């Protein structure tokens, strides 16, 4: 996501990502989930990428509201 208004705020497993997405939706933040392993698998380059790990991106304008949610969820694990 080069030259984008989106910034990565989390990389982790599917379950934690789903919890983060749910919490962000509750405060009207529409995050983007990127799954590099699935993208690589679909394109035929799956070697070396850990399956089940996803990345969460939010708009830079929403970063201040999103980061505390991610930190709160991370502190539980």
C-alpha atoms as a PDB file:
ATOM      1  CA  UNK A   1       0.000   0.000   0.000  1.00  0.00           C
ATOM      2  CA  UNK A   2       2.569   2.500  -1.088  1.00  0.00           C
ATOM      3  CA  UNK A   3       1.533   6.175  -1.239  1.00  0.00           C
ATOM      4  CA  UNK A   4      -1.683   5.377   0.543  1.00  0.00           C
ATOM      5  CA  UNK A   5      -3.713   7.095   3.205  1.00  0.00           C
ATOM      6  CA  UNK A   6      -3.768   3.806   5.082  1.00  0.00           C
ATOM      7  CA  UNK A   7      -1.299   2.675   7.704  1.00  0.00           C
ATOM      8  CA  UNK A   8      -0.728  -0.766   9.210  1.00  0.00           C
ATOM      9  CA  UNK A   9      -1.664  -0.908  12.871  1.00  0.00           C
ATOM     10  CA  UNK A  10      -1.518  -4.637  13.596  1.00  0.00           C
ATOM     11  CA  UNK A  11      -0.189  -7.951  12.327  1.00  0.00           C
ATOM     12  CA  UNK A  12      -1.371 -11.115  13.990  1.00  0.00           C
ATOM     13  CA  UNK A  13      -3.547 -14.176  13.908  1.00  0.00           C
ATOM     14  CA  UNK A  14      -7.041 -14.380  12.494  1.00  0.00           C
ATOM     15  CA  UNK A  15      -8.862 -14.453  15.832  1.00  0.00           C
ATOM     16  CA  UNK A  16      -7.237 -11.315  17.207  1.00  0.00           C
ATOM     17  CA  UNK A  17      -7.690  -9.522  13.885  1.00  0.00           C
ATOM     18  CA  UNK A  18     -11.414 -10.317  13.929  1.00  0.00           C
ATOM     19  CA  UNK A  19     -11.699  -8.933  17.464  1.00  0.00           C
ATOM     20  CA  UNK A  20      -9.886  -5.738  16.447  1.00  0.00           C
ATOM     21  CA  UNK A  21     -12.091  -5.324  13.378  1.00  0.00           C
ATOM     22  CA  UNK A  22     -15.207  -5.774  15.497  1.00  0.00           C
ATOM     23  CA  UNK A  23     -14.078  -3.161  18.021  1.00  0.00           C
ATOM     24  CA  UNK A  24     -13.129  -0.722  15.262  1.00  0.00           C
ATOM     25  CA  UNK A  25     -16.501  -1.146  13.547  1.00  0.00           C
ATOM     26  CA  UNK A  26     -18.181  -0.325  16.857  1.00  0.00           C
ATOM     27  CA  UNK A  27     -16.658   3.169  16.656  1.00  0.00           C
ATOM     28  CA  UNK A  28     -17.298   3.522  12.902  1.00  0.00           C
ATOM     29  CA  UNK A  29     -13.774   2.823  11.690  1.00  0.00           C
ATOM     30  CA  UNK A  30     -13.670   0.769   8.507  1.00  0.00           C
ATOM     31  CA  UNK A  31     -10.378  -1.085   8.590  1.00  0.00           C
ATOM     32  CA  UNK A  32      -8.811  -3.072   5.774  1.00  0.00           C
ATOM     33  CA  UNK A  33      -7.563  -6.612   6.316  1.00  0.00           C
ATOM     34  CA  UNK A  34      -4.678  -7.858   4.217  1.00  0.00           C
ATOM     35  CA  UNK A  35      -3.820 -11.549   4.227  1.00  0.00           C
ATOM     36  CA  UNK A  36      -0.365 -11.920   2.637  1.00  0.00           C
ATOM     37  CA  UNK A  37      -0.355 -15.714   2.941  1.00  0.00           C
ATOM     38  CA  UNK A  38      -3.665 -16.054   1.137  1.00  0.00           C
ATOM     39  CA  UNK A  39      -2.595 -13.591  -1.548  1.00  0.00           C
ATOM     40  CA  UNK A  40       0.642 -15.507  -2.057  1.00  0.00           C
ATOM     41  CA  UNK A  41      -1.171 -18.837  -2.140  1.00  0.00           C
ATOM     42  CA  UNK A  42      -3.601 -17.592  -4.763  1.00  0.00           C
ATOM     43  CA  UNK A  43      -0.759 -16.327  -6.923  1.00  0.00           C
ATOM     44  CA  UNK A  44       1.338 -19.470  -6.468  1.00  0.00           C
ATOM     45  CA  UNK A  45       4.002 -18.054  -4.138  1.00  0.00           C
ATOM     46  CA  UNK A  46       3.000 -19.491  -0.770  1.00  0.00           C
ATOM     47  CA  UNK A  47       6.474 -20.599   0.366  1.00  0.00           C
ATOM     48  CA  UNK A  48       7.907 -18.827   3.391  1.00  0.00           C
ATOM     49  CA  UNK A  49       4.784 -17.014   4.549  1.00  0.00           C
ATOM     50  CA  UNK A  50       3.099 -17.976   7.798  1.00  0.00           C
ATOM     51  CA  UNK A  51      -0.531 -18.884   7.183  1.00  0.00           C
ATOM     52  CA  UNK A  52      -3.150 -17.400   9.468  1.00  0.00           C
ATOM     53  CA  UNK A  53      -1.434 -14.060   9.975  1.00  0.00           C
ATOM     54  CA  UNK A  54      -3.203 -10.978   8.733  1.00  0.00           C
ATOM     55  CA  UNK A  55      -2.534  -7.254   8.695  1.00  0.00           C
ATOM     56  CA  UNK A  56      -4.957  -4.523   9.740  1.00  0.00           C
ATOM     57  CA  UNK A  57      -4.821  -1.110   8.096  1.00  0.00           C
ATOM     58  CA  UNK A  58      -6.747   2.056   8.983  1.00  0.00           C
ATOM     59  CA  UNK A  59      -6.954   5.471   7.422  1.00  0.00           C
ATOM     60  CA  UNK A  60      -4.311   7.829   8.806  1.00  0.00           C
ATOM     61  CA  UNK A  61      -7.086  10.201   9.916  1.00  0.00           C
ATOM     62  CA  UNK A  62      -8.481   7.486  12.213  1.00  0.00           C
ATOM     63  CA  UNK A  63      -5.147   6.355  13.625  1.00  0.00           C
ATOM     64  CA  UNK A  64      -5.515   8.192  16.948  1.00  0.00           C
ATOM     65  CA  UNK A  65      -8.792   6.388  17.678  1.00  0.00           C
ATOM     66  CA  UNK A  66      -7.668   2.969  16.420  1.00  0.00           C
ATOM     67  CA  UNK A  67      -4.323   2.557  18.190  1.00  0.00           C
ATOM     68  CA  UNK A  68      -5.739   2.528  21.763  1.00  0.00           C
ATOM     69  CA  UNK A  69      -8.143  -0.247  20.754  1.00  0.00           C
ATOM     70  CA  UNK A  70      -5.320  -2.378  19.351  1.00  0.00           C
ATOM     71  CA  UNK A  71      -3.173  -1.740  22.433  1.00  0.00           C
ATOM     72  CA  UNK A  72      -6.052  -2.678  24.733  1.00  0.00           C
ATOM     73  CA  UNK A  73      -6.710  -5.942  22.915  1.00  0.00           C
ATOM     74  CA  UNK A  74      -2.983  -6.756  22.756  1.00  0.00           C
ATOM     75  CA  UNK A  75      -2.650  -6.278  26.509  1.00  0.00           C
ATOM     76  CA  UNK A  76      -5.184  -9.063  27.057  1.00  0.00           C
ATOM     77  CA  UNK A  77      -2.971 -11.604  25.284  1.00  0.00           C
END
